[in-house]
Amino acid sequence: MAKVTMIELEIPQGRMAFPVEQADGILRMKFNGGWKLPEDSEWSWTPEKGFEKKAAGKGAKKPTESASTVEE
């Protein structure tokens, strides 16, 4: 079984995890219903580079787990 990385996105009503490819597609949509990365996400996203893990800064707490790997 392949492992799938999940990215958590949020809207005002709550959060939901999506596979990386789907989360990227949602964030690229001009009208995506307000979905965005949570501020406490360990991921950053830009249209040019897609998703990248944030580097933990000096003395920074480990971010809460916002992306997980699940087996399908």
N, C-alpha and C. Protein backbone atom coordinates (compact mmCIF):
# COMPACT_ATOMS: atom_id res chain seq x y z
N MET A 1 0.83 -1.18 0.00
CA MET A 1 0.00 0.00 0.00
C MET A 1 0.88 1.25 0.00
N ALA A 2 0.48 2.21 -0.77
CA ALA A 2 1.25 3.46 -0.89
C ALA A 2 0.88 4.39 0.25
N LYS A 3 1.87 5.13 0.72
CA LYS A 3 1.63 6.13 1.75
C LYS A 3 1.25 7.44 1.07
N VAL A 4 0.26 8.12 1.60
CA VAL A 4 -0.23 9.36 1.03
C VAL A 4 -0.05 10.47 2.06
N THR A 5 0.61 11.55 1.67
CA THR A 5 0.77 12.70 2.55
C THR A 5 -0.50 13.54 2.49
N MET A 6 -1.02 13.87 3.66
CA MET A 6 -2.23 14.67 3.76
C MET A 6 -1.87 16.07 4.24
N ILE A 7 -2.51 17.07 3.65
CA ILE A 7 -2.32 18.47 4.01
C ILE A 7 -3.64 18.98 4.58
N GLU A 8 -3.58 19.61 5.73
CA GLU A 8 -4.78 20.14 6.35
C GLU A 8 -5.01 21.57 5.87
N LEU A 9 -6.22 21.83 5.38
CA LEU A 9 -6.64 23.17 4.98
C LEU A 9 -7.79 23.59 5.88
N GLU A 10 -8.04 24.90 5.94
CA GLU A 10 -9.14 25.37 6.78
C GLU A 10 -10.00 26.40 6.07
N ILE A 11 -11.23 26.45 6.53
CA ILE A 11 -12.18 27.50 6.19
C ILE A 11 -12.77 27.94 7.53
N PRO A 12 -13.54 29.02 7.59
CA PRO A 12 -14.08 29.45 8.88
C PRO A 12 -14.89 28.37 9.61
N GLN A 13 -15.50 27.45 8.88
CA GLN A 13 -16.33 26.43 9.50
C GLN A 13 -15.53 25.27 10.08
N GLY A 14 -14.24 25.15 9.73
CA GLY A 14 -13.43 24.06 10.27
C GLY A 14 -12.27 23.69 9.37
N ARG A 15 -11.67 22.54 9.69
CA ARG A 15 -10.50 22.05 8.96
C ARG A 15 -10.79 20.68 8.36
N MET A 16 -10.04 20.39 7.29
CA MET A 16 -10.18 19.10 6.63
C MET A 16 -8.84 18.76 5.97
N ALA A 17 -8.47 17.48 5.99
CA ALA A 17 -7.22 17.03 5.39
C ALA A 17 -7.47 16.53 3.97
N PHE A 18 -6.57 16.87 3.06
CA PHE A 18 -6.64 16.47 1.66
C PHE A 18 -5.31 15.87 1.23
N PRO A 19 -5.31 14.95 0.26
CA PRO A 19 -4.04 14.51 -0.32
C PRO A 19 -3.33 15.72 -0.94
N VAL A 20 -2.00 15.69 -0.99
CA VAL A 20 -1.21 16.83 -1.46
C VAL A 20 -1.69 17.36 -2.80
N GLU A 21 -1.91 16.48 -3.77
CA GLU A 21 -2.32 16.93 -5.11
C GLU A 21 -3.66 17.66 -5.07
N GLN A 22 -4.59 17.16 -4.27
CA GLN A 22 -5.91 17.79 -4.18
C GLN A 22 -5.81 19.13 -3.45
N ALA A 23 -5.03 19.19 -2.37
CA ALA A 23 -4.87 20.44 -1.63
C ALA A 23 -4.23 21.51 -2.53
N ASP A 24 -3.24 21.09 -3.31
CA ASP A 24 -2.59 22.02 -4.24
C ASP A 24 -3.61 22.54 -5.26
N GLY A 25 -4.43 21.67 -5.80
CA GLY A 25 -5.46 22.08 -6.76
C GLY A 25 -6.45 23.05 -6.16
N ILE A 26 -6.84 22.81 -4.91
CA ILE A 26 -7.79 23.70 -4.24
C ILE A 26 -7.18 25.09 -4.07
N LEU A 27 -5.93 25.15 -3.60
CA LEU A 27 -5.30 26.45 -3.37
C LEU A 27 -5.03 27.20 -4.67
N ARG A 28 -4.89 26.49 -5.79
CA ARG A 28 -4.66 27.14 -7.08
C ARG A 28 -5.95 27.70 -7.70
N MET A 29 -7.10 27.25 -7.24
CA MET A 29 -8.37 27.73 -7.80
C MET A 29 -8.60 29.20 -7.44
N LYS A 30 -9.04 29.98 -8.40
CA LYS A 30 -9.31 31.40 -8.16
C LYS A 30 -10.42 31.56 -7.12
N PHE A 31 -11.48 30.81 -7.25
CA PHE A 31 -12.60 30.84 -6.31
C PHE A 31 -12.66 29.47 -5.65
N ASN A 32 -11.98 29.34 -4.51
CA ASN A 32 -11.87 28.04 -3.86
C ASN A 32 -12.72 27.90 -2.60
N GLY A 33 -13.63 28.80 -2.38
CA GLY A 33 -14.51 28.71 -1.22
C GLY A 33 -13.87 29.17 0.07
N GLY A 34 -12.70 29.80 -0.01
CA GLY A 34 -12.05 30.31 1.19
C GLY A 34 -11.04 29.37 1.82
N TRP A 35 -10.75 28.23 1.20
CA TRP A 35 -9.78 27.29 1.76
C TRP A 35 -8.39 27.92 1.78
N LYS A 36 -7.67 27.71 2.87
CA LYS A 36 -6.30 28.21 3.02
C LYS A 36 -5.56 27.32 4.00
N LEU A 37 -4.23 27.48 4.03
CA LEU A 37 -3.42 26.77 5.02
C LEU A 37 -3.63 27.41 6.38
N PRO A 38 -3.79 26.61 7.43
CA PRO A 38 -3.88 27.20 8.77
C PRO A 38 -2.56 27.88 9.14
N GLU A 39 -2.61 28.90 9.97
CA GLU A 39 -1.40 29.61 10.37
C GLU A 39 -0.44 28.70 11.13
N ASP A 40 -0.96 27.70 11.84
CA ASP A 40 -0.10 26.81 12.62
C ASP A 40 0.35 25.59 11.81
N SER A 41 0.17 25.62 10.50
CA SER A 41 0.58 24.51 9.65
C SER A 41 2.08 24.41 9.58
N GLU A 42 2.58 23.17 9.47
CA GLU A 42 4.02 22.98 9.29
C GLU A 42 4.40 23.08 7.82
N TRP A 43 3.45 23.41 6.97
CA TRP A 43 3.66 23.53 5.52
C TRP A 43 3.50 24.97 5.09
N SER A 44 4.20 25.35 4.05
CA SER A 44 3.98 26.63 3.37
C SER A 44 3.63 26.28 1.93
N TRP A 45 2.96 27.20 1.23
CA TRP A 45 2.55 26.93 -0.14
C TRP A 45 2.68 28.21 -0.96
N THR A 46 3.26 28.07 -2.14
CA THR A 46 3.28 29.15 -3.12
C THR A 46 2.91 28.54 -4.47
N PRO A 47 2.29 29.32 -5.36
CA PRO A 47 1.94 28.78 -6.68
C PRO A 47 3.17 28.31 -7.46
N GLU A 48 4.31 28.96 -7.23
CA GLU A 48 5.53 28.61 -7.98
C GLU A 48 6.15 27.31 -7.50
N LYS A 49 6.17 27.09 -6.20
CA LYS A 49 6.88 25.94 -5.63
C LYS A 49 5.96 24.86 -5.07
N GLY A 50 4.69 25.16 -4.90
CA GLY A 50 3.78 24.19 -4.28
C GLY A 50 4.02 24.13 -2.78
N PHE A 51 3.89 22.94 -2.19
CA PHE A 51 4.05 22.77 -0.75
C PHE A 51 5.50 22.52 -0.38
N GLU A 52 5.92 23.15 0.70
CA GLU A 52 7.25 22.93 1.27
C GLU A 52 7.10 22.91 2.79
N LYS A 53 7.84 22.01 3.43
CA LYS A 53 7.82 21.98 4.89
C LYS A 53 8.55 23.20 5.41
N LYS A 54 7.96 23.84 6.43
CA LYS A 54 8.60 24.99 7.05
C LYS A 54 9.78 24.50 7.88
N ALA A 55 10.85 25.24 7.85
CA ALA A 55 12.00 24.92 8.70
C ALA A 55 11.72 25.44 10.10
N ALA A 56 12.02 24.61 11.08
CA ALA A 56 11.83 25.04 12.47
C ALA A 56 12.92 26.04 12.81
N GLY A 57 12.52 27.21 13.25
CA GLY A 57 13.49 28.24 13.59
C GLY A 57 14.17 27.95 14.92
N LYS A 58 15.23 28.67 15.19
CA LYS A 58 15.98 28.48 16.43
C LYS A 58 15.07 28.77 17.62
N GLY A 59 14.95 27.80 18.51
CA GLY A 59 14.13 27.96 19.70
C GLY A 59 12.64 27.83 19.44
N ALA A 60 12.26 27.52 18.23
CA ALA A 60 10.84 27.40 17.92
C ALA A 60 10.30 26.07 18.42
N LYS A 61 9.05 26.10 18.83
CA LYS A 61 8.39 24.86 19.23
C LYS A 61 8.12 24.05 17.98
N LYS A 62 8.08 22.74 18.14
CA LYS A 62 7.72 21.88 17.02
C LYS A 62 6.25 22.18 16.69
N PRO A 63 5.95 22.47 15.42
CA PRO A 63 4.56 22.79 15.07
C PRO A 63 3.65 21.58 15.27
N THR A 64 2.39 21.86 15.52
CA THR A 64 1.44 20.77 15.65
C THR A 64 1.35 20.03 14.33
N GLU A 65 1.04 18.78 14.39
CA GLU A 65 1.01 17.95 13.18
C GLU A 65 -0.19 18.35 12.33
N SER A 66 0.07 18.89 11.15
CA SER A 66 -1.02 19.31 10.27
C SER A 66 -1.05 18.50 8.98
N ALA A 67 -0.05 17.71 8.78
CA ALA A 67 -0.03 16.82 7.62
C ALA A 67 0.38 15.46 8.15
N SER A 68 -0.25 14.44 7.62
CA SER A 68 0.07 13.10 8.09
C SER A 68 0.18 12.17 6.91
N THR A 69 0.81 11.07 7.14
CA THR A 69 0.93 10.06 6.08
C THR A 69 0.04 8.90 6.48
N VAL A 70 -0.82 8.52 5.57
CA VAL A 70 -1.72 7.39 5.80
C VAL A 70 -1.52 6.37 4.70
N GLU A 71 -1.82 5.13 5.01
CA GLU A 71 -1.70 4.09 4.00
C GLU A 71 -3.05 3.87 3.35
N GLU A 72 -3.02 3.67 2.04
CA GLU A 72 -4.25 3.38 1.30
C GLU A 72 -4.21 1.95 0.84
